[in-house]
Each structure stands twice: as structure tokens, then as C-alpha cells.
Amino acid sequence: MSKIYDNDLQEQPAKNSSIWTRADALKVNENDPTTTQPLVSADFPVMSDTVFIWDTMPLRDIDGKVLSVNGWSVIFTLTADREPENPDYIDANGNYDIALDWNNRHGRAKMCFWYSKTGKNWKFGGRVMKEGVSPTTREWAGSPILLNNQGEIDLYYTAVTPGATIVKVRGRITTSNKGVSLSDFTNVKALFEADGNLYQTEAQNPYWGFRDPFPFRDPKSGKLYMLFEGNVAGARGTHIVGPDEIGDVPPGYENVGNSRYQTGCVGIAEADDDNGDSWTLLPPLVTAVGVNDQTERPHFVFQDGKYYLFTISHKFTYGDGLTGPDGVYGFVSDEIFGPYVPLNGSALVLGNPPSQPFQTYSHYVMPNGLVTSFIDSVPADKTTTGMDYRIGGTEAPTVKIKIKGDRTFVVDEYDYGYIPPMADVILKA
């Protein structure tokens, strides 16, 4: 059984952690059409010629329902200016290297918002926080929660560099017949960081991950919790990939190589108060030691009395001897603390097609089965475009999945960036 340590370093069984095993991951099939995202065309439209966007966070309530406000849909996105005039992104022939600009975006990520009357064709609203409000240089993904019909919003996000801290900032939304405004996002409150006992710290691993808060109210107990991405605590390279982590593999698949460096997990914390101002870290819900090093943007869909836990991951973060597409992975349980079993046997829910392995990423599964993501890069016809691939930095076509027990199926595709509300909140005057 996996072990955790409390603050007194007393060994305790991690009763709550389910294991995504190497045997499970061996079942991943990148060519299964029922778990493959449709091809994205290279002639896709872009939302903006001046900014890149990637991780998309629809405004929602604490139960996960996607909301509009006074008829206006709102999404938050990680955003960076496109910098075609920056000499750092001009190649030897004097041309703008958009791929280099795109690949360097994370270091200047800021939280911005967009609004729409139709759930698509988004209009840019600008920065959520003014420059200097966030305590770190990077503003990474999280969750915007509409608290009430007075228009108060709690934005949970990850403050990165230096370190990585889960934080929140409260502000307000107002609307007019012309659009949406956000204001008063001025006081950022630090909530928690990785502790080194349950979740790996930067001191234990310079490549650690600790980010992507997803607060929610447990539909059965009514308690307030938060999911986040983490890595299992311990110095890098010291984790043991044992029989529990390997699972029931066929002959010839017992060698795990250097997969001890893959230590991803889906973390959870419990609120000490109903406002979400104080939190206690709990053992991970799912660990992926020996399987994958990243379990990004974890989130829940509650359906049929079950807990559907979704996360996103990459091909390049798999351990030795394993592979899978960039995309959505998922698990299901009858109870919040498990045990969780992989959806579709392998955990793969929605992956990029092998012919376009980097077309989309950062998928978010909404309670209505719609899945949003952003376009990363799509192969292009070099004879007509002069490019091997086209950089996105814009919303991808929305797809729909159907969840049936412990299985999922891709069933439909919609317009680019289609994120319709599930309910409309009318603000009090």
C-alpha cells in the first residue's frame, strides 16, 4: 500500500489514493475513434491577431454549472500578447517566428476575460487584475466562481514564479447592453502551497507541478473541497514503481525503465471554513507514479450519483514503456474518496488523432458533456502556406462526449469556442 507522512513523519496508510497503473495505461488506444477528437482544419479562425489564448475557464457556480450573467457568457483565459515586433522572435531571414513566440508564452501568462451573447464569437474584455496586483510574474490556470446575484466572483488561480501558490482574488462583474466589465480584483489571498509530505515541492524536484485549483461542493456531503494538480511527495528519482503501480501486466512488460521520475497525482484539499479562506491538504485522490508526470487541470462532473474525475496530460510526460495522446483522461467512483477506476479501462477519454498529435490541449469537460480546448498547432500544406504547421493560440471546436457508466463516447462536434451557458443569473440592481 502506498504510504504518506504527516507533519511528525509518522508513517500512515494512504487509504484515499487510487492508483492509475501501468497495466491500465497499456490499454490506451490512440486509434479508437470513440475516444479521438475530430481533426481540426488548418484554416481555423483565430479569436485575436494580438493575443494568444490557451487554458479556458468558463464562469461557473461552485457545483460546476456554466453560467451566463444577464445574458452574457463569460470565459477566463490564460493570455499573452503576440509579439511580432520583438527582435527575439525575428528569424535570420527577418521573418516573425510565431512558433518561438508561442512556445515562450508561459513566462508572460496573464488572466484575461472574454464575453459573448451567443456562447461563441468572443469579445476581448482585457486583464482581470491590473499589473502588479498578482504577487508573482505568472498567472496560471484556475477557476472563476460566481458567488451570488450581487455579481461577486472568486477567482482561484495559481500564482507562479517565484514558487507556485494556490491563491484567490475576489472581484465583481457588471454588465450593460454593450458588454461586460470586471472590477475590484485587487486583494490576492494566498491559500496553500505544496507541503513536501503529501505533495512534492520545488526543493524535492525542480520540475514539480502544483497548480490548477478547482473548488467544488461535494454533492453528497455539502462540504467544500478543491482539486489541483500535484506530484507525489519525495525527492526526484527516489519513488519506487512497485507491484501496485505496475498492475497486472503481461509477460515482457515488467521492466519500468526510468519511470520512477513520473510522479503525477490529482490532489485534493478540504476547506476549513465555508468561505474557502483556509484549507487542509488531504492525500491525493489518484496517483500516477510510474505512469505519467502530469495530471493537469483536474475537474469533476457529477452524474448519476457518481464522481467523474477528469484531467489532461501529454504524450511526452508518460513513463518509459508507455504512450498515449495529448488529451483528456478520466476516472470514476461512487464516492468522493474512491476507489477510482479508469474510464474506458485505460483512462483515455479524448485524445488527439495520431496524424495531428498536437492539434489541441487543455480540455475542460463541462457537466453537459461539452468539451472545450485550445488549438496548439495543426499540420499545414507547405506548398501553399510556406509552413509545416500553423500555430493556434485560439479556441478549438467544441466536442461532445457521452458518459455511460464507466465508458465514454465522442458523439458530436460544434463551432470553434462554443461554450453555451447552462443557466443565466440575473444580477440584482
Protein backbone atom coordinates (compact mmCIF):
# COMPACT_ATOMS: atom_id res chain seq x y z
CA MET A 1 0.00 0.00 0.00
CA SER A 2 1.19 3.50 -0.77
CA LYS A 3 2.39 5.48 2.24
CA ILE A 4 2.15 9.10 3.26
CA TYR A 5 3.70 11.00 6.13
CA ASP A 6 2.16 13.51 8.48
CA ASN A 7 4.00 16.54 9.84
CA ASP A 8 5.61 14.37 12.53
CA LEU A 9 6.88 11.98 9.86
CA GLN A 10 4.80 9.13 11.26
CA GLU A 11 4.01 6.54 8.60
CA GLN A 12 0.31 6.20 7.76
CA PRO A 13 -1.58 4.29 5.06
CA ALA A 14 -2.83 6.49 2.21
CA LYS A 15 -6.31 4.96 2.25
CA ASN A 16 -7.73 7.53 -0.12
CA SER A 17 -5.32 7.25 -3.06
CA SER A 18 -6.38 5.21 -6.06
CA ILE A 19 -3.64 4.16 -8.47
CA TRP A 20 -3.55 4.65 -12.24
CA THR A 21 -1.38 1.64 -13.05
CA ARG A 22 0.97 0.89 -15.89
CA ALA A 23 -1.30 -2.01 -16.79
CA ASP A 24 -4.21 0.44 -17.15
CA ALA A 25 -2.12 2.74 -19.34
CA LEU A 26 -1.07 -0.14 -21.60
CA LYS A 27 -4.71 -0.28 -22.68
CA VAL A 28 -4.57 3.24 -24.19
CA ASN A 29 -5.53 3.04 -27.87
CA GLU A 30 -4.79 6.20 -29.85
CA ASN A 31 -6.71 4.82 -32.84
CA ASP A 32 -10.05 4.27 -31.10
CA PRO A 33 -12.50 6.63 -32.86
CA THR A 34 -14.80 6.71 -29.82
CA THR A 35 -12.08 8.45 -27.79
CA THR A 36 -10.43 10.53 -30.54
CA GLN A 37 -11.03 14.23 -31.15
CA PRO A 38 -12.06 15.04 -34.75
CA LEU A 39 -9.40 16.57 -36.97
CA VAL A 40 -9.01 20.34 -36.75
CA SER A 41 -8.65 22.02 -40.13
CA ALA A 42 -5.56 24.15 -40.79
CA ASP A 43 -7.80 27.02 -41.97
CA PHE A 44 -9.19 27.61 -38.47
CA PRO A 45 -10.19 31.17 -37.46
CA VAL A 46 -8.39 32.98 -34.63
CA MET A 47 -10.11 34.95 -31.88
CA SER A 48 -7.47 37.68 -31.92
CA ASP A 49 -4.50 38.76 -34.01
CA THR A 50 -2.94 40.49 -31.00
CA VAL A 51 -3.06 37.87 -28.23
CA PHE A 52 -2.60 34.14 -27.79
CA ILE A 53 -5.03 32.27 -25.55
CA TRP A 54 -4.77 28.77 -24.14
CA ASP A 55 -6.32 27.37 -20.92
CA THR A 56 -10.01 28.36 -20.94
CA MET A 57 -12.04 28.68 -17.73
CA PRO A 58 -15.79 29.28 -18.15
CA LEU A 59 -17.50 31.26 -15.41
CA ARG A 60 -19.39 28.72 -13.28
CA ASP A 61 -21.01 28.13 -9.93
CA ILE A 62 -19.46 26.08 -7.13
CA ASP A 63 -21.33 22.98 -8.36
CA GLY A 64 -19.74 23.21 -11.82
CA LYS A 65 -22.65 24.64 -13.79
CA VAL A 66 -21.53 27.01 -16.58
CA LEU A 67 -23.26 30.37 -16.17
CA SER A 68 -24.11 33.50 -18.07
CA VAL A 69 -24.79 36.80 -16.31
CA ASN A 70 -27.64 38.98 -17.51
CA GLY A 71 -27.47 37.05 -20.77
CA TRP A 72 -23.70 37.47 -21.22
CA SER A 73 -21.47 34.38 -21.29
CA VAL A 74 -18.01 34.91 -19.80
CA ILE A 75 -14.80 32.91 -20.10
CA PHE A 76 -11.42 33.49 -18.49
CA THR A 77 -8.28 32.51 -20.42
CA LEU A 78 -4.56 32.36 -19.93
CA THR A 79 -3.39 35.02 -22.33
CA ALA A 80 -0.17 36.50 -23.71
CA ASP A 81 0.45 39.25 -26.24
CA ARG A 82 1.60 38.16 -29.66
CA GLU A 83 4.93 39.92 -30.20
CA PRO A 84 5.70 40.03 -33.93
CA GLU A 85 7.91 43.11 -33.45
CA ASN A 86 10.02 41.59 -30.67
CA PRO A 87 13.57 41.11 -32.06
CA ASP A 88 13.83 37.89 -30.03
CA TYR A 89 11.21 36.39 -32.35
CA ILE A 90 12.66 37.54 -35.67
CA ASP A 91 14.49 34.78 -37.53
CA ALA A 92 17.65 35.04 -39.64
CA ASN A 93 15.57 35.98 -42.71
CA GLY A 94 13.83 38.82 -40.91
CA ASN A 95 10.55 36.95 -40.50
CA TYR A 96 8.40 36.67 -37.40
CA ASP A 97 8.93 33.27 -35.74
CA ILE A 98 5.44 32.73 -34.36
CA ALA A 99 6.32 29.25 -33.09
CA LEU A 100 9.08 30.62 -30.86
CA ASP A 101 6.79 33.37 -29.61
CA TRP A 102 4.08 30.77 -28.86
CA ASN A 103 6.44 28.40 -27.09
CA ASN A 104 7.66 31.21 -24.80
CA ARG A 105 4.17 32.36 -23.80
CA HIS A 106 4.04 30.68 -20.37
CA GLY A 107 6.53 33.12 -18.86
CA ARG A 108 4.23 36.07 -19.51
CA ALA A 109 0.84 34.42 -18.92
CA LYS A 110 -1.88 36.75 -17.62
CA MET A 111 -5.51 36.12 -16.71
CA CYS A 112 -7.90 37.80 -19.16
CA PHE A 113 -11.60 37.54 -19.89
CA TRP A 114 -13.94 37.44 -22.88
CA TYR A 115 -17.70 37.81 -23.23
CA SER A 116 -20.39 36.83 -25.70
CA LYS A 117 -24.17 36.84 -26.17
CA THR A 118 -24.09 33.61 -28.19
CA GLY A 119 -21.62 31.41 -26.33
CA LYS A 120 -19.14 31.90 -29.19
CA ASN A 121 -17.67 34.78 -31.25
CA TRP A 122 -16.00 36.06 -28.09
CA LYS A 123 -15.15 39.72 -27.48
CA PHE A 124 -11.96 40.53 -25.61
CA GLY A 125 -12.51 42.17 -22.22
CA GLY A 126 -8.90 42.63 -21.11
CA ARG A 127 -6.94 41.83 -17.95
CA VAL A 128 -8.77 40.59 -14.86
CA MET A 129 -6.17 42.07 -12.49
CA LYS A 130 -4.18 45.18 -13.11
CA GLU A 131 -0.42 44.89 -13.46
CA GLY A 132 1.22 44.48 -10.07
CA VAL A 133 -1.81 43.03 -8.26
CA SER A 134 -0.77 39.40 -8.61
CA PRO A 135 2.19 38.65 -6.31
CA THR A 136 4.15 36.68 -8.94
CA THR A 137 5.16 37.19 -12.55
CA ARG A 138 2.93 34.46 -13.98
CA GLU A 139 -0.82 34.00 -13.60
CA TRP A 140 -1.65 30.36 -14.29
CA ALA A 141 -4.93 28.47 -14.56
CA GLY A 142 -7.68 28.04 -12.02
CA SER A 143 -11.44 28.57 -11.69
CA PRO A 144 -13.73 31.63 -11.70
CA ILE A 145 -16.72 31.08 -9.39
CA LEU A 146 -19.81 33.32 -9.40
CA LEU A 147 -20.79 33.57 -5.73
CA ASN A 148 -24.17 35.30 -5.83
CA ASN A 149 -26.57 37.52 -7.74
CA GLN A 150 -24.72 40.59 -6.49
CA GLY A 151 -22.07 39.77 -9.09
CA GLU A 152 -19.24 38.74 -6.75
CA ILE A 153 -16.68 36.37 -8.26
CA ASP A 154 -13.94 34.41 -6.55
CA LEU A 155 -11.12 33.70 -9.00
CA TYR A 156 -8.96 30.84 -7.79
CA TYR A 157 -5.72 30.59 -9.75
CA THR A 158 -2.04 29.66 -9.49
CA ALA A 159 0.50 32.37 -8.71
CA VAL A 160 3.78 31.19 -10.25
CA THR A 161 7.39 32.44 -10.18
CA PRO A 162 8.69 32.60 -7.62
CA GLY A 163 7.29 29.27 -6.43
CA ALA A 164 3.74 28.08 -7.04
CA THR A 165 0.93 29.06 -4.69
CA ILE A 166 -2.79 28.40 -4.90
CA VAL A 167 -4.45 31.80 -4.40
CA LYS A 168 -7.77 33.53 -4.83
CA VAL A 169 -8.91 37.06 -5.54
CA ARG A 170 -12.45 38.39 -5.20
CA GLY A 171 -13.93 40.91 -7.60
CA ARG A 172 -17.17 41.87 -9.27
CA ILE A 173 -18.91 41.55 -12.63
CA THR A 174 -21.21 44.17 -14.10
CA THR A 175 -22.97 44.23 -17.45
CA SER A 176 -24.57 46.66 -19.86
CA ASN A 177 -26.28 46.32 -23.19
CA LYS A 178 -22.83 46.70 -24.77
CA GLY A 179 -20.82 44.16 -22.81
CA VAL A 180 -19.22 43.01 -19.57
CA SER A 181 -16.85 44.67 -17.10
CA LEU A 182 -14.83 43.16 -14.26
CA SER A 183 -13.61 45.27 -11.35
CA ASP A 184 -12.14 45.22 -7.84
CA PHE A 185 -9.87 42.20 -8.33
CA THR A 186 -7.27 43.82 -6.10
CA ASN A 187 -6.62 41.71 -3.00
CA VAL A 188 -4.94 38.36 -3.73
CA LYS A 189 -5.06 35.91 -0.82
CA ALA A 190 -2.55 33.03 -0.60
CA LEU A 191 -4.26 29.74 0.28
CA PHE A 192 -1.68 26.93 0.26
CA GLU A 193 1.45 25.50 -1.34
CA ALA A 194 2.90 22.01 -1.71
CA ASP A 195 3.92 20.67 1.69
CA GLY A 196 6.63 18.08 0.94
CA ASN A 197 4.78 15.40 2.93
CA LEU A 198 1.85 14.71 0.62
CA TYR A 199 2.84 16.80 -2.40
CA GLN A 200 6.24 17.32 -3.95
CA THR A 201 7.91 20.70 -3.52
CA GLU A 202 10.32 22.60 -5.73
CA ALA A 203 13.11 21.67 -3.30
CA GLN A 204 12.32 17.98 -3.86
CA ASN A 205 12.03 18.32 -7.62
CA PRO A 206 12.79 21.42 -9.72
CA TYR A 207 10.32 20.08 -12.32
CA TRP A 208 7.47 19.72 -9.83
CA GLY A 209 3.91 20.69 -10.63
CA PHE A 210 1.47 22.28 -8.21
CA ARG A 211 -1.31 24.26 -9.85
CA ASP A 212 -4.80 24.43 -11.40
CA PRO A 213 -7.23 24.81 -8.46
CA PHE A 214 -10.79 23.54 -8.98
CA PRO A 215 -13.01 24.27 -5.95
CA PHE A 216 -16.33 22.43 -5.69
CA ARG A 217 -19.04 21.46 -3.24
CA ASP A 218 -19.44 17.73 -2.71
CA PRO A 219 -23.00 16.95 -3.85
CA LYS A 220 -23.36 14.24 -1.19
CA SER A 221 -21.84 15.82 1.93
CA GLY A 222 -22.16 19.50 1.07
CA LYS A 223 -18.53 20.07 2.10
CA LEU A 224 -16.25 22.43 0.19
CA TYR A 225 -13.18 20.85 -1.44
CA MET A 226 -10.61 21.76 -4.05
CA LEU A 227 -8.84 19.65 -6.67
CA PHE A 228 -5.42 20.56 -8.02
CA GLU A 229 -2.52 19.09 -9.95
CA GLY A 230 0.43 17.82 -7.92
CA ASN A 231 3.26 15.34 -7.79
CA VAL A 232 3.62 12.71 -5.08
CA ALA A 233 5.98 13.93 -2.34
CA GLY A 234 9.58 12.72 -2.24
CA ALA A 235 12.92 13.59 -3.74
CA ARG A 236 13.02 13.26 -7.52
CA GLY A 237 14.12 9.82 -8.62
CA THR A 238 13.51 8.11 -5.25
CA HIS A 239 9.97 6.86 -5.89
CA ILE A 240 9.50 3.12 -6.18
CA VAL A 241 7.40 1.72 -9.01
CA GLY A 242 6.28 -1.46 -7.29
CA PRO A 243 3.65 -4.14 -7.93
CA ASP A 244 0.77 -1.82 -7.02
CA GLU A 245 1.94 0.81 -9.50
CA ILE A 246 2.71 -1.73 -12.23
CA GLY A 247 -0.55 -3.66 -12.00
CA ASP A 248 -1.36 -6.83 -13.92
CA VAL A 249 0.93 -6.56 -16.92
CA PRO A 250 1.54 -9.33 -19.48
CA PRO A 251 4.90 -11.15 -19.73
CA GLY A 252 7.63 -8.90 -21.10
CA TYR A 253 6.20 -5.68 -19.66
CA GLU A 254 7.62 -5.88 -16.15
CA ASN A 255 10.56 -3.54 -16.85
CA VAL A 256 9.63 0.01 -15.83
CA GLY A 257 12.83 1.69 -17.05
CA ASN A 258 13.26 5.15 -15.56
CA SER A 259 9.56 5.66 -14.92
CA ARG A 260 10.29 6.43 -11.25
CA TYR A 261 10.57 10.03 -12.47
CA GLN A 262 6.86 10.06 -13.35
CA THR A 263 5.00 11.01 -10.15
CA GLY A 264 1.85 12.86 -11.19
CA CYS A 265 -1.22 12.93 -8.98
CA VAL A 266 -4.61 14.57 -8.59
CA GLY A 267 -4.56 16.39 -5.27
CA ILE A 268 -7.41 17.43 -3.02
CA ALA A 269 -7.82 19.84 -0.12
CA GLU A 270 -10.72 20.37 2.28
CA ALA A 271 -11.92 23.84 3.28
CA ASP A 272 -11.77 24.69 6.97
CA ASP A 273 -14.46 27.35 6.50
CA ASP A 274 -17.34 27.91 4.13
CA ASN A 275 -15.65 30.93 2.52
CA GLY A 276 -12.70 28.94 1.21
CA ASP A 277 -10.14 31.09 3.02
CA SER A 278 -8.42 28.24 4.90
CA TRP A 279 -7.65 24.75 3.62
CA THR A 280 -6.22 21.41 4.77
CA LEU A 281 -4.29 19.23 2.33
CA LEU A 282 -5.52 15.63 2.03
CA PRO A 283 -3.89 12.62 0.36
CA PRO A 284 -4.17 12.52 -3.46
CA LEU A 285 -7.32 11.05 -4.96
CA VAL A 286 -5.38 9.39 -7.80
CA THR A 287 -1.65 8.78 -8.19
CA ALA A 288 0.21 8.02 -11.42
CA VAL A 289 3.66 7.03 -10.12
CA GLY A 290 5.46 5.18 -12.90
CA VAL A 291 2.80 6.17 -15.43
CA ASN A 292 2.70 9.92 -16.05
CA ASP A 293 4.27 13.05 -14.60
CA GLN A 294 1.40 15.46 -15.28
CA THR A 295 -2.27 15.39 -14.30
CA GLU A 296 -3.17 18.95 -15.20
CA ARG A 297 -6.40 20.89 -14.66
CA PRO A 298 -8.30 18.16 -12.75
CA HIS A 299 -12.05 18.71 -12.53
CA PHE A 300 -15.25 16.86 -11.68
CA VAL A 301 -18.50 16.13 -13.43
CA PHE A 302 -21.20 14.79 -11.09
CA GLN A 303 -23.63 12.47 -12.86
CA ASP A 304 -25.92 9.61 -11.85
CA GLY A 305 -24.65 9.73 -8.28
CA LYS A 306 -21.07 9.16 -9.44
CA TYR A 307 -17.89 11.24 -9.36
CA TYR A 308 -16.33 11.61 -12.80
CA LEU A 309 -12.80 12.91 -12.38
CA PHE A 310 -11.15 14.35 -15.49
CA THR A 311 -7.59 15.55 -16.03
CA ILE A 312 -5.37 16.36 -19.01
CA SER A 313 -1.94 15.06 -19.87
CA HIS A 314 0.70 14.82 -22.57
CA LYS A 315 2.35 12.13 -24.62
CA PHE A 316 5.81 13.39 -23.60
CA THR A 317 5.08 13.06 -19.86
CA TYR A 318 4.41 9.30 -19.96
CA GLY A 319 6.88 6.93 -18.33
CA ASP A 320 9.22 4.57 -20.17
CA GLY A 321 7.38 1.81 -21.99
CA LEU A 322 4.07 3.69 -22.11
CA THR A 323 2.48 6.12 -24.51
CA GLY A 324 -0.77 7.95 -25.08
CA PRO A 325 -2.07 11.05 -26.82
CA ASP A 326 -2.28 14.59 -25.55
CA GLY A 327 -5.82 14.93 -24.26
CA VAL A 328 -8.35 14.11 -21.55
CA TYR A 329 -8.05 11.21 -19.14
CA GLY A 330 -10.70 10.23 -16.63
CA PHE A 331 -11.70 8.09 -13.68
CA VAL A 332 -14.97 7.28 -11.94
CA SER A 333 -16.02 6.43 -8.40
CA ASP A 334 -19.20 6.05 -6.39
CA GLU A 335 -17.67 8.09 -3.56
CA ILE A 336 -15.56 11.23 -3.45
CA PHE A 337 -12.53 9.49 -1.94
CA GLY A 338 -12.72 6.47 -4.20
CA PRO A 339 -11.79 3.91 -5.14
CA TYR A 340 -11.48 5.35 -8.65
CA VAL A 341 -11.28 3.17 -11.75
CA PRO A 342 -10.05 4.37 -15.16
CA LEU A 343 -12.76 5.24 -17.64
CA ASN A 344 -12.74 3.00 -20.71
CA GLY A 345 -10.32 0.69 -18.92
CA SER A 346 -7.30 2.83 -19.78
CA ALA A 347 -8.40 6.31 -18.56
CA LEU A 348 -8.26 7.78 -22.09
CA VAL A 349 -11.41 9.83 -22.77
CA LEU A 350 -10.50 12.20 -25.61
CA GLY A 351 -7.14 12.22 -27.36
CA ASN A 352 -5.66 14.00 -30.35
CA PRO A 353 -5.61 11.95 -33.57
CA PRO A 354 -2.21 10.36 -34.39
CA SER A 355 -1.99 12.36 -37.63
CA GLN A 356 -2.30 15.65 -35.67
CA PRO A 357 -0.82 14.85 -32.26
CA PHE A 358 -0.53 18.48 -31.11
CA GLN A 359 -3.72 19.94 -32.54
CA THR A 360 -5.47 20.70 -29.22
CA TYR A 361 -4.86 20.72 -25.48
CA SER A 362 -6.16 21.85 -22.08
CA HIS A 363 -9.56 20.24 -22.44
CA TYR A 364 -12.28 21.05 -19.94
CA VAL A 365 -15.29 18.73 -19.63
CA MET A 366 -18.48 20.56 -18.68
CA PRO A 367 -21.47 18.94 -16.90
CA ASN A 368 -23.46 18.93 -20.16
CA GLY A 369 -20.79 16.78 -21.84
CA LEU A 370 -19.36 19.60 -23.94
CA VAL A 371 -15.55 19.75 -24.02
CA THR A 372 -13.63 22.93 -24.77
CA SER A 373 -9.91 23.14 -25.64
CA PHE A 374 -7.45 25.40 -27.44
CA ILE A 375 -5.66 24.89 -30.74
CA ASP A 376 -1.93 24.39 -30.35
CA SER A 377 -0.54 23.52 -33.80
CA VAL A 378 -2.05 21.89 -36.86
CA PRO A 379 -0.16 20.49 -39.88
CA ALA A 380 -0.37 22.74 -42.93
CA ASP A 381 0.29 22.37 -46.65
CA LYS A 382 3.75 23.88 -47.01
CA THR A 383 3.43 24.25 -50.78
CA THR A 384 0.59 26.74 -50.36
CA THR A 385 1.26 28.22 -46.91
CA GLY A 386 5.04 28.04 -46.63
CA MET A 387 4.60 26.42 -43.20
CA ASP A 388 4.86 22.86 -41.99
CA TYR A 389 2.24 23.62 -39.35
CA ARG A 390 0.07 26.51 -38.22
CA ILE A 391 0.16 27.86 -34.67
CA GLY A 392 -3.19 28.37 -32.98
CA GLY A 393 -3.43 30.16 -29.65
CA THR A 394 -7.20 30.27 -30.10
CA GLU A 395 -10.30 28.26 -29.21
CA ALA A 396 -10.73 24.83 -30.80
CA PRO A 397 -14.02 23.36 -32.00
CA THR A 398 -16.10 22.17 -29.06
CA VAL A 399 -16.88 18.46 -28.98
CA LYS A 400 -19.42 16.48 -27.01
CA ILE A 401 -18.87 13.24 -25.15
CA LYS A 402 -21.50 10.91 -23.74
CA ILE A 403 -20.77 9.33 -20.36
CA LYS A 404 -22.32 5.90 -19.80
CA GLY A 405 -21.25 4.20 -16.58
CA ASP A 406 -17.51 3.61 -16.82
CA ARG A 407 -17.36 4.30 -20.57
CA THR A 408 -17.34 7.44 -22.71
CA PHE A 409 -18.03 8.14 -26.37
CA VAL A 410 -17.35 11.11 -28.68
CA VAL A 411 -20.75 11.89 -30.21
CA ASP A 412 -20.73 15.39 -31.72
CA GLU A 413 -18.70 18.44 -32.75
CA TYR A 414 -19.68 22.13 -32.65
CA ASP A 415 -18.31 25.52 -33.65
CA TYR A 416 -14.99 26.97 -32.55
CA GLY A 417 -15.10 28.06 -28.91
CA TYR A 418 -18.76 27.14 -28.41
CA ILE A 419 -19.35 27.33 -24.64
CA PRO A 420 -23.08 27.88 -24.04
CA PRO A 421 -24.41 28.63 -20.56
CA MET A 422 -26.33 26.05 -18.60
CA ALA A 423 -28.13 28.77 -16.61
CA ASP A 424 -28.45 32.56 -16.64
CA VAL A 425 -28.03 34.60 -13.47
CA ILE A 426 -29.83 37.94 -13.31
CA LEU A 427 -27.95 40.38 -11.12
CA LYS A 428 -29.81 42.45 -8.57
CA ALA A 429 -29.80 46.12 -9.39
